[in-house]
N, C-alpha and C. Protein backbone atom coordinates (compact mmCIF):
# COMPACT_ATOMS: atom_id res chain seq x y z
N UNK A 1 150.79 176.00 210.08
CA UNK A 1 152.01 176.69 210.40
C UNK A 1 152.33 177.37 209.27
N UNK A 2 152.80 178.56 209.21
CA UNK A 2 153.18 179.41 208.03
C UNK A 2 154.71 179.23 208.01
N UNK A 3 155.26 179.58 206.98
CA UNK A 3 156.68 179.81 206.60
C UNK A 3 157.64 180.29 207.87
N UNK A 4 157.53 181.08 208.40
CA UNK A 4 157.86 182.15 209.62
C UNK A 4 157.85 181.27 210.83
N UNK A 5 156.74 180.79 210.87
CA UNK A 5 156.74 179.81 212.52
C UNK A 5 157.36 178.62 212.19
N UNK A 6 157.46 177.72 210.73
CA UNK A 6 158.29 177.04 210.55
C UNK A 6 159.66 177.19 210.84
N UNK A 7 159.94 177.94 210.35
CA UNK A 7 161.38 178.36 210.60
C UNK A 7 162.03 178.28 211.92
N UNK A 8 160.82 179.02 212.99
CA UNK A 8 161.15 178.87 214.28
C UNK A 8 161.25 177.51 214.84
N UNK A 9 160.28 176.66 214.71
CA UNK A 9 160.01 175.59 215.13
C UNK A 9 161.13 174.71 214.45
N UNK A 10 161.59 174.68 213.24
CA UNK A 10 163.03 173.89 212.73
C UNK A 10 163.77 174.34 213.64
N UNK A 11 164.29 175.37 213.79
CA UNK A 11 165.83 175.82 214.88
C UNK A 11 165.84 174.91 216.36
N UNK A 12 164.41 175.42 216.63
CA UNK A 12 164.04 174.35 217.99
C UNK A 12 164.38 173.07 217.91
N UNK A 13 163.74 172.35 216.77
CA UNK A 13 164.12 170.71 216.56
C UNK A 13 165.36 170.46 216.73
N UNK A 14 166.31 171.53 215.76
CA UNK A 14 167.62 171.37 215.51
C UNK A 14 168.22 171.76 216.66
N UNK A 15 167.99 172.03 217.46
CA UNK A 15 168.81 172.59 218.44
C UNK A 15 168.47 171.20 219.71
N UNK A 16 167.20 171.09 219.48
CA UNK A 16 167.11 169.82 220.58
C UNK A 16 167.67 168.60 220.26
N UNK A 17 167.84 167.97 218.84
CA UNK A 17 168.33 167.16 218.35
C UNK A 17 170.13 167.24 218.37
N UNK A 18 170.68 168.37 218.07
CA UNK A 18 171.91 168.49 218.16
C UNK A 18 172.42 167.91 219.80
N UNK A 19 171.75 168.63 220.68
CA UNK A 19 171.83 168.44 222.03
C UNK A 19 171.56 166.79 222.48
N UNK A 20 171.27 165.92 221.61
CA UNK A 20 171.33 164.29 221.74
C UNK A 20 169.49 164.13 222.23
N UNK A 21 168.74 165.03 222.19
CA UNK A 21 167.53 164.88 222.86
C UNK A 21 166.46 163.89 221.77
N UNK A 22 165.60 163.52 222.16
CA UNK A 22 164.66 162.42 221.75
C UNK A 22 163.38 163.30 221.43
N UNK A 23 162.74 163.27 220.48
CA UNK A 23 161.33 164.35 220.46
C UNK A 23 159.96 163.79 220.27
N UNK A 24 158.98 163.93 220.87
CA UNK A 24 157.79 163.22 220.60
C UNK A 24 156.91 164.50 220.18
N UNK A 25 155.93 164.10 219.52
CA UNK A 25 154.97 165.00 219.07
C UNK A 25 153.60 164.82 219.46
N UNK A 26 153.03 166.01 220.35
CA UNK A 26 151.38 165.18 220.85
C UNK A 26 150.39 166.57 220.17
N UNK A 27 149.43 166.03 219.59
CA UNK A 27 148.71 166.97 218.91
C UNK A 27 147.34 167.34 219.63
N UNK A 28 147.53 166.67 220.89
CA UNK A 28 145.96 166.64 221.37
C UNK A 28 145.09 165.62 221.51
N UNK A 29 145.28 164.84 220.56
CA UNK A 29 144.67 163.27 220.58
C UNK A 29 145.48 162.41 220.49
N UNK A 30 146.81 162.56 219.71
CA UNK A 30 147.40 161.62 219.42
C UNK A 30 148.80 162.00 219.60
N UNK A 31 149.74 161.25 219.52
CA UNK A 31 151.18 161.02 219.78
C UNK A 31 151.73 160.41 218.33
N UNK A 32 151.58 161.30 216.79
CA UNK A 32 151.95 160.42 215.68
C UNK A 32 153.60 160.05 215.92
N UNK A 33 154.16 160.79 216.45
CA UNK A 33 155.82 160.40 216.23
C UNK A 33 156.27 160.29 218.16
N UNK A 34 156.93 159.18 218.42
CA UNK A 34 157.40 159.00 219.77
C UNK A 34 158.93 159.08 219.71
N UNK A 35 159.63 159.93 220.40
CA UNK A 35 161.30 159.55 220.91
C UNK A 35 162.11 159.37 219.55
N UNK A 36 161.75 160.15 219.06
CA UNK A 36 162.47 160.81 217.53
C UNK A 36 163.82 161.35 217.62
N UNK A 37 165.03 160.63 216.52
CA UNK A 37 166.01 161.73 216.59
C UNK A 37 165.92 161.97 215.16
N UNK A 38 164.54 162.11 214.26
CA UNK A 38 164.96 162.32 212.68
C UNK A 38 164.31 163.34 212.71
N UNK A 39 165.19 164.69 212.39
CA UNK A 39 164.43 166.03 211.84
C UNK A 39 163.30 165.99 211.06
N UNK A 40 163.53 165.47 209.80
CA UNK A 40 162.54 165.34 209.07
C UNK A 40 161.10 164.76 209.48
N UNK A 41 161.45 163.53 210.02
CA UNK A 41 160.14 163.09 210.63
C UNK A 41 159.22 163.97 211.83
N UNK A 42 159.91 164.60 212.47
CA UNK A 42 159.47 165.53 213.71
C UNK A 42 158.82 166.67 212.90
N UNK A 43 159.38 167.43 211.98
CA UNK A 43 158.92 168.48 211.32
C UNK A 43 157.56 167.86 210.33
N UNK A 44 157.45 166.77 209.96
CA UNK A 44 156.44 166.26 209.12
C UNK A 44 155.25 165.90 210.33
N UNK A 45 155.66 165.91 211.16
CA UNK A 45 154.47 165.67 212.28
C UNK A 45 154.00 166.73 212.99
N UNK A 46 154.68 167.90 212.55
CA UNK A 46 153.96 169.27 213.39
C UNK A 46 153.36 170.47 212.21
N UNK A 47 152.18 171.33 213.25
CA UNK A 47 152.07 171.79 212.09
C UNK A 47 150.41 171.77 211.48
N UNK A 48 150.23 170.34 211.81
CA UNK A 48 148.85 170.15 211.26
C UNK A 48 147.69 170.29 212.29
N UNK A 49 148.02 170.86 213.23
CA UNK A 49 146.68 171.38 214.33
C UNK A 49 147.17 173.09 214.52
N UNK A 50 146.32 173.27 215.19
CA UNK A 50 146.14 174.82 215.62
C UNK A 50 147.24 174.80 216.61
N UNK A 51 147.44 174.09 217.92
CA UNK A 51 148.51 173.92 219.11
C UNK A 51 148.96 172.31 218.84
N UNK A 52 149.84 172.24 218.94
CA UNK A 52 150.88 171.28 219.42
C UNK A 52 151.70 171.07 220.73
N UNK A 53 152.21 169.86 221.17
CA UNK A 53 153.19 169.74 222.15
C UNK A 53 154.36 169.08 222.00
N UNK A 54 155.63 169.58 221.84
CA UNK A 54 156.63 168.66 221.61
C UNK A 54 157.30 168.37 222.70
N UNK A 55 157.67 167.19 223.10
CA UNK A 55 157.98 166.42 224.30
C UNK A 55 159.48 166.16 224.07
N UNK A 56 160.03 166.52 224.96
CA UNK A 56 161.69 166.71 224.99
C UNK A 56 162.15 165.34 225.82
N UNK A 57 162.91 164.61 225.23
CA UNK A 57 163.54 163.45 226.13
C UNK A 57 165.07 163.09 226.49
N UNK A 58 165.38 162.89 227.21
CA UNK A 58 166.90 162.55 226.74
C UNK A 58 167.34 161.00 226.57
N UNK A 59 168.39 160.42 225.91
CA UNK A 59 168.53 159.27 225.54
C UNK A 59 168.06 158.01 226.10
N UNK A 60 167.84 158.23 227.43
CA UNK A 60 166.95 157.11 228.18
C UNK A 60 165.67 157.09 228.36
N UNK A 61 165.08 158.29 227.43
CA UNK A 61 163.77 158.29 227.13
C UNK A 61 162.95 159.24 228.50
N UNK A 62 163.74 159.52 229.36
CA UNK A 62 163.19 160.29 230.48
C UNK A 62 162.92 161.94 229.60
N UNK A 63 161.64 162.08 230.05
CA UNK A 63 161.19 163.49 229.66
C UNK A 63 161.97 164.36 230.48
N UNK A 64 162.10 165.42 229.56
CA UNK A 64 163.07 166.81 230.44
C UNK A 64 162.18 167.89 230.30
N UNK A 65 161.05 167.87 229.50
CA UNK A 65 160.45 168.87 229.22
C UNK A 65 159.44 168.75 228.27
N UNK A 66 158.64 170.23 227.87
CA UNK A 66 157.51 170.37 227.15
C UNK A 66 157.84 171.47 226.26
N UNK A 67 157.69 171.71 225.00
CA UNK A 67 157.27 173.14 224.36
C UNK A 67 155.96 173.09 223.65
N UNK A 68 155.03 174.13 224.23
CA UNK A 68 153.63 174.29 223.63
C UNK A 68 153.80 175.05 222.23
N UNK A 69 153.34 174.92 221.15
CA UNK A 69 153.56 175.59 220.04
C UNK A 69 151.93 175.97 219.85
N UNK A 70 151.68 177.16 219.50
CA UNK A 70 150.25 177.87 219.04
C UNK A 70 150.58 178.27 217.85
N UNK A 71 149.99 178.14 216.43
CA UNK A 71 150.39 178.63 215.31
C UNK A 71 149.39 179.46 214.73
N UNK A 72 149.34 180.38 213.99
CA UNK A 72 148.39 181.16 213.42
C UNK A 72 148.91 182.91 213.94
N UNK A 73 149.68 183.06 215.35
CA UNK A 73 150.08 184.23 215.57
C UNK A 73 151.29 184.86 214.65
N UNK A 74 152.06 185.85 215.13
CA UNK A 74 153.18 185.86 214.97
C UNK A 74 154.25 184.87 215.07
N UNK A 75 155.23 185.07 214.18
CA UNK A 75 156.68 183.94 214.40
C UNK A 75 157.14 183.91 215.66
N UNK A 76 157.47 185.02 216.32
CA UNK A 76 157.84 185.16 217.55
C UNK A 76 157.15 184.83 218.94
N UNK A 77 155.71 184.38 218.54
CA UNK A 77 154.79 183.87 219.55
C UNK A 77 154.41 182.37 219.15
N UNK A 78 154.99 181.87 218.50
CA UNK A 78 154.85 180.27 218.00
C UNK A 78 154.91 179.44 219.64
N UNK A 79 156.09 179.87 219.97
CA UNK A 79 156.02 179.11 221.37
C UNK A 79 155.09 179.75 222.56
N UNK A 80 154.31 179.25 222.80
CA UNK A 80 153.12 179.98 223.74
C UNK A 80 153.69 179.47 225.12
N UNK A 81 154.42 178.24 225.45
CA UNK A 81 154.60 178.17 226.97
C UNK A 81 155.62 176.96 226.93
N UNK A 82 156.26 176.92 227.98
CA UNK A 82 157.30 175.57 227.97
C UNK A 82 157.46 175.39 229.30
N UNK A 83 158.20 174.24 229.69
CA UNK A 83 159.08 174.06 231.01
C UNK A 83 159.94 174.58 231.46
N UNK A 84 159.57 175.37 232.37
CA UNK A 84 160.62 176.61 233.20
C UNK A 84 161.73 175.90 233.68
N UNK A 85 162.93 175.28 232.69
CA UNK A 85 164.14 174.85 232.97
C UNK A 85 164.95 175.17 232.12
N UNK A 86 166.54 175.17 232.11
CA UNK A 86 167.64 175.67 231.53
C UNK A 86 167.57 174.70 230.17
N UNK A 87 167.46 173.53 230.48
CA UNK A 87 167.76 172.62 229.02
C UNK A 87 166.34 173.01 228.37
N UNK A 88 165.59 173.24 228.65
CA UNK A 88 164.47 173.80 227.71
C UNK A 88 164.58 175.01 227.28
N UNK A 89 164.86 175.67 228.10
CA UNK A 89 164.87 176.97 227.64
C UNK A 89 166.02 177.53 226.65
N UNK A 90 167.00 176.71 226.91
CA UNK A 90 168.13 176.76 226.01
C UNK A 90 167.82 176.34 224.59
N UNK A 91 167.10 175.93 223.82
CA UNK A 91 166.17 175.41 223.12
C UNK A 91 165.55 176.71 222.15
N UNK A 92 165.07 177.44 222.72
CA UNK A 92 164.23 178.41 222.56
C UNK A 92 164.92 179.54 222.01
């Protein structure tokens, strides 16, 4: 993840945490962080693979949706896909 991509991802993480959501990171093989409300921990676990999923859950740990990140393109393309739900779309 380059600097511009990191900026975009960090904004999304911040918006999600500001709304009280919990975040999990899935790297395709493992989920190194689960249901976290710690922005630094989430960011430390993002950007280690070419693509990753940010799983957004509410305070009861019920999944609200997923944001799919793909790195290596332009920063405005770092969000490759997401759950088509208002709660997720407003984070992007």
